[in-house]
Protein backbone atom coordinates (compact mmCIF):
# COMPACT_ATOMS: atom_id res chain seq x y z
CA MET A 1 -0.06 0.05 0.06
CA PRO A 2 2.12 2.54 -1.44
CA VAL A 3 1.88 6.82 -0.67
CA ALA A 4 1.52 7.59 -3.87
CA THR A 5 0.98 3.89 -6.05
CA LEU A 6 0.65 1.41 -3.55
CA THR A 7 0.22 -2.43 -3.94
CA LEU A 8 -2.70 -3.38 -2.82
CA ALA A 9 -3.56 -7.09 -2.73
CA ARG A 10 -0.97 -7.99 -6.01
CA PRO A 11 2.38 -8.79 -5.77
CA SER A 12 5.34 -7.31 -8.26
CA ALA A 13 6.63 -9.21 -11.10
CA SER A 14 9.70 -7.75 -9.49
CA ARG A 15 8.70 -9.84 -6.90
CA GLY A 16 11.09 -12.08 -8.71
CA HIS A 17 14.18 -11.77 -5.54
CA SER A 18 12.17 -13.71 -3.65
CA THR A 19 10.82 -17.59 -3.98
CA ARG A 20 7.57 -19.12 -3.07
CA GLY A 21 9.35 -21.68 -0.91
CA SER A 22 9.30 -24.96 -3.36
CA GLU A 23 11.78 -23.72 -6.37
CA PRO A 24 15.51 -25.11 -5.71
CA ALA A 25 18.49 -23.10 -5.02
CA MET A 26 19.26 -23.43 -8.38
CA MET A 27 17.54 -24.32 -11.97
CA ARG A 28 19.23 -26.11 -14.75
CA ASP A 29 18.63 -27.56 -18.00
CA VAL A 30 20.39 -30.86 -19.05
CA ASP A 31 22.76 -28.80 -21.02
CA ASP A 32 23.57 -26.31 -17.54
CA VAL A 33 21.56 -23.02 -18.99
CA PRO A 34 20.00 -22.01 -16.01
CA ARG A 35 16.03 -22.29 -16.80
CA GLU A 36 14.15 -19.51 -17.67
CA VAL A 37 10.86 -19.10 -14.80
CA PRO A 38 8.90 -16.20 -15.45
CA LEU A 39 7.63 -14.71 -12.23
CA THR A 40 3.79 -13.57 -12.68
CA GLY A 41 2.07 -10.52 -10.92
CA GLY A 42 2.71 -6.73 -10.69
CA ASN A 43 3.07 -4.94 -13.52
CA THR A 44 6.60 -5.38 -15.47
CA PRO A 45 6.57 -7.60 -17.95
CA GLY A 46 9.27 -10.22 -18.42
CA VAL A 47 11.16 -10.48 -15.42
CA VAL A 48 12.56 -14.31 -14.86
CA ARG A 49 14.25 -16.14 -11.98
CA ALA A 50 17.06 -17.51 -14.24
CA GLY A 51 19.62 -19.90 -11.11
CA ASP A 52 20.15 -17.31 -7.72
CA THR A 53 18.96 -14.57 -10.07
CA VAL A 54 16.42 -12.31 -11.53
CA ARG A 55 16.20 -11.04 -14.73
CA ARG A 56 14.30 -8.29 -15.56
CA PRO A 57 13.24 -5.11 -18.43
CA LEU A 58 15.76 -1.94 -17.69
CA ASN A 59 13.01 1.10 -17.56
CA PRO A 60 14.03 4.56 -17.26
CA SER A 61 14.98 4.64 -13.88
CA SER A 62 17.11 1.50 -14.14
CA ALA A 63 20.14 3.82 -13.90
CA ARG A 64 19.60 5.69 -10.93
CA VAL A 65 18.46 2.00 -9.48
CA HIS A 66 21.27 1.07 -9.77
CA ARG A 67 23.44 2.97 -8.00
CA LEU A 68 21.93 2.86 -5.74
CA LEU A 69 22.10 -0.52 -5.05
CA ALA A 70 25.51 -0.70 -6.06
CA TYR A 71 26.24 2.13 -2.81
CA PHE A 72 23.93 -1.02 -0.84
CA GLU A 73 26.63 -2.99 -1.37
CA ARG A 74 29.84 -0.97 -1.08
CA CYS A 75 28.49 -0.43 2.83
CA GLY A 76 27.65 -4.10 3.67
CA PHE A 77 23.64 -3.21 3.39
CA GLY A 78 22.57 -7.09 2.98
CA GLY A 79 18.52 -5.73 2.86
CA ALA A 80 18.21 -4.91 -0.53
CA PRO A 81 19.28 -7.18 -3.80
CA ARG A 82 22.41 -7.23 -5.44
CA PHE A 83 22.86 -6.05 -8.56
CA LEU A 84 24.83 -7.81 -11.04
CA GLY A 85 25.01 -6.28 -14.59
CA ILE A 86 23.17 -6.59 -17.62
CA ASP A 87 22.68 -9.67 -19.77
CA GLU A 88 23.43 -10.17 -23.55
CA ARG A 89 19.20 -9.55 -24.00
CA GLY A 90 19.11 -6.47 -22.59
CA ARG A 91 18.14 -7.42 -19.08
CA GLU A 92 19.08 -6.63 -15.47
CA ILE A 93 20.25 -9.05 -13.18
CA LEU A 94 20.22 -8.77 -9.54
CA SER A 95 20.39 -11.17 -6.89
CA PHE A 96 18.13 -14.08 -6.15
CA ILE A 97 17.34 -13.23 -2.09
CA ASP A 98 15.95 -16.73 -0.74
CA GLY A 99 12.39 -16.01 1.30
CA PHE A 100 8.94 -15.54 0.96
CA ALA A 101 7.46 -12.15 -0.49
CA PRO A 102 3.91 -11.91 1.45
CA PRO A 103 1.12 -11.62 -1.80
CA HIS A 104 -0.70 -8.86 -0.78
CA ASN A 105 -0.95 -6.90 2.20
CA GLY A 106 -2.38 -7.75 5.81
CA PHE A 107 -0.52 -10.86 7.24
CA GLU A 108 -0.66 -10.28 11.27
CA LEU A 109 2.67 -9.45 11.90
CA SER A 110 5.37 -10.84 15.85
CA GLU A 111 6.22 -7.68 17.28
CA GLN A 112 9.68 -8.95 16.31
CA GLY A 113 8.69 -9.32 12.87
CA VAL A 114 7.70 -5.19 13.18
CA ARG A 115 10.67 -4.68 14.82
CA ALA A 116 12.83 -6.21 11.81
CA GLY A 117 11.25 -3.79 9.35
CA ALA A 118 11.25 -0.68 11.25
CA ARG A 119 15.07 -0.81 11.48
CA LEU A 120 15.73 -1.98 8.23
CA VAL A 121 13.85 0.87 6.84
CA ARG A 122 15.97 2.96 9.05
CA ARG A 123 19.16 1.44 8.23
CA VAL A 124 18.20 2.44 4.49
CA HIS A 125 17.12 6.13 5.52
CA ASP A 126 20.20 6.78 7.84
CA LEU A 127 22.54 5.05 5.07
CA THR A 128 20.56 7.77 2.39
CA GLU A 129 21.03 10.68 3.72
CA GLY A 130 23.41 12.98 2.31
CA THR A 131 23.28 11.22 -0.73
CA GLU A 132 23.08 11.92 -4.33
CA PHE A 133 19.57 9.32 -3.76
CA ALA A 134 18.29 11.93 -1.34
CA ALA A 135 19.19 15.50 -3.29
CA GLY A 136 17.11 17.66 -2.20
CA SER A 137 15.37 16.23 0.32
CA GLU A 138 16.08 13.86 2.94
CA ILE A 139 16.90 10.38 2.43
CA ALA A 140 15.93 7.96 -0.69
CA TYR A 141 12.06 7.65 -0.59
CA HIS A 142 10.93 3.73 -1.15
CA PRO A 143 7.59 3.84 -2.96
CA ASN A 144 6.06 1.35 -1.58
CA LEU A 145 6.69 -0.25 1.76
CA SER A 146 4.24 -2.80 1.80
CA GLN A 147 4.48 -5.84 2.96
CA PRO A 148 4.64 -7.65 -0.75
CA ASN A 149 7.35 -5.60 -0.48
CA PHE A 150 9.23 -7.75 1.64
CA ILE A 151 11.35 -10.77 1.77
CA PHE A 152 10.76 -12.84 5.16
CA ARG A 153 12.16 -15.74 6.60
CA ASP A 154 10.34 -16.85 8.75
CA MET A 155 8.20 -14.11 8.79
CA ILE A 156 11.13 -12.00 9.78
CA PRO A 157 12.06 -9.57 7.04
CA ILE A 158 15.53 -9.79 5.84
CA ALA A 159 15.24 -7.19 2.91
CA ILE A 160 13.08 -4.56 0.84
CA ILE A 161 12.38 -5.06 -2.99
CA ASP A 162 11.09 -3.25 -6.37
CA TRP A 163 13.68 -0.32 -5.83
CA ASP A 164 12.00 1.23 -9.32
CA GLY A 165 11.16 4.95 -8.53
CA THR A 166 13.15 5.64 -5.37
CA ARG A 167 13.17 9.35 -5.02
CA PRO A 168 14.51 11.87 -2.31
CA GLY A 169 11.34 12.29 0.25
CA THR A 170 11.63 12.85 3.71
CA ARG A 171 12.18 10.53 7.03
CA LEU A 172 8.40 11.44 8.40
CA ALA A 173 5.89 10.26 4.79
CA ASN A 174 8.34 7.75 4.01
CA PHE A 175 8.41 6.34 7.40
CA ALA A 176 3.91 7.00 7.89
CA GLU A 177 3.99 5.35 5.13
CA PHE A 178 5.63 1.81 5.83
CA LEU A 179 3.05 2.02 9.40
CA TRP A 180 0.07 1.92 7.16
CA ALA A 181 1.46 -0.08 5.06
CA PHE A 182 3.56 -2.82 6.53
CA VAL A 183 2.59 -3.10 10.08
CA HIS A 184 -0.77 -2.32 8.48
CA PRO A 185 -2.67 -1.32 12.11
CA ALA A 186 -6.04 -2.01 10.84
CA MET A 187 -5.37 -5.62 10.98
CA TYR A 188 -5.14 -5.40 15.09
CA GLY A 189 -8.60 -4.03 15.30
CA ASP A 190 -9.47 -0.59 17.29
CA GLY A 191 -7.56 0.75 19.91
CA GLU A 192 -5.14 -0.70 21.91
CA PRO A 193 -4.01 -2.99 19.86
CA ALA A 194 -3.39 -1.57 16.76
CA ALA A 195 -1.40 1.76 18.82
CA HIS A 196 0.68 -0.63 20.69
CA MET A 197 1.85 -2.23 17.43
CA LEU A 198 2.34 1.08 15.87
CA GLN A 199 4.39 1.96 18.91
CA VAL A 200 6.54 -1.23 18.20
CA ALA A 201 7.43 -0.02 15.20
CA ALA A 202 8.78 3.64 16.08
CA ASP A 203 10.33 2.90 19.25
CA ALA A 204 12.00 0.19 16.99
CA TYR A 205 13.10 3.09 14.21
CA ARG A 206 13.85 4.87 17.41
CA TRP A 207 11.44 7.74 15.76
CA SER A 208 11.29 10.82 18.02
CA GLY A 209 9.96 13.58 15.39
CA PRO A 210 6.31 14.82 15.81
CA GLY A 211 3.46 14.63 13.06
CA LEU A 212 3.76 10.37 12.46
CA ALA A 213 0.21 9.93 13.30
CA ASP A 214 -0.71 12.37 11.55
CA ALA A 215 1.50 11.89 8.70
CA MET A 216 -0.25 7.93 8.41
CA LEU A 217 -3.91 9.19 8.39
CA ALA A 218 -2.69 12.08 4.99
CA THR A 219 -0.90 9.13 3.10
CA VAL A 220 -4.58 6.79 3.80
CA ARG A 221 -6.87 10.06 2.58
CA HIS A 222 -3.63 10.01 -0.38
CA PHE A 223 -4.28 6.47 -1.63
CA CYS A 224 -8.13 6.63 -1.34
CA GLU A 225 -8.09 9.92 -3.42
CA ILE A 226 -5.61 8.04 -6.84
CA ASN A 227 -7.12 5.12 -6.25
CA PRO A 228 -11.16 4.81 -6.62
CA GLU A 229 -11.12 1.82 -8.17
CA PHE A 230 -10.22 0.72 -4.20
CA ILE A 231 -12.04 2.34 -1.78
CA ALA A 232 -14.00 -0.28 -0.94
CA TRP A 233 -11.06 -1.62 0.41
CA GLY A 234 -9.44 2.40 1.77
CA GLY A 235 -12.85 3.04 3.08
CA PRO A 236 -12.44 1.51 5.62
CA GLU A 237 -8.83 1.61 5.94
CA LEU A 238 -9.18 5.49 6.60
CA ALA A 239 -11.75 5.14 8.65
CA HIS A 240 -9.62 2.90 10.72
CA MET A 241 -7.60 5.64 11.04
CA GLU A 242 -9.82 8.40 11.92
CA ARG A 243 -11.64 6.65 14.22
CA ASN A 244 -8.23 6.02 16.93
CA LEU A 245 -6.53 9.00 15.50
CA ASP A 246 -6.29 10.95 18.51
CA LEU A 247 -5.09 7.63 20.35
CA PHE A 248 -2.38 7.05 17.71
CA ARG A 249 -0.84 10.55 18.18
CA ALA A 250 -1.17 9.95 22.51
CA ARG A 251 0.80 7.03 21.76
CA LEU A 252 3.25 7.43 19.53
CA PRO A 253 6.21 9.99 20.10
CA GLY A 254 6.26 13.32 19.41
């Protein structure tokens, strides 16, 4: 569920960084050439897995994303795919991250899972602050921090995928999106259970600034405005945020 183009109940094609749990680590035909397995879903056609790699068509933002992934690798950050080059068919080659990519949002997570996700986002923000990827703003803003864009092992997130569209943005807006799209407070009902899970995430991120609950509300409102086709789902999400806003304001730092 992103701020501008959030994923709802459909997996993204670059989800190819994950596995559904039944594929072998390497898939080869008899001539020892990696067999390509289409990775379906999302809006990017032509994405395949080949052995321990993912092959994806290039797009206008690819060069920037490649620089970002290479920067993460130089920093020793293991929470994103590695950019491995361009293949003979002009496709980008990314490392395949073994794990589970949720096919949709709405999985209830443990406190451990929520903490791990918040720490991944904090690490991305800290690494990109003051770099070309944050030029004119604060940090590199991943445009869709919903559950399907994380790779999980034992339902603990270990990596973030689908970096296309990453742009400069603010910590507040990106973390607020994460709180709605990844923590997904409506899954825990009204009142304290939902507020507690948000507080767990904020504490793990070490958030201390003001305005987090209101930024979450702005995220959900914007989603509903630009995605009227999903109002049957987004409307109740917005109503949940509005009902619980005062409590979320009181529980979240700042």
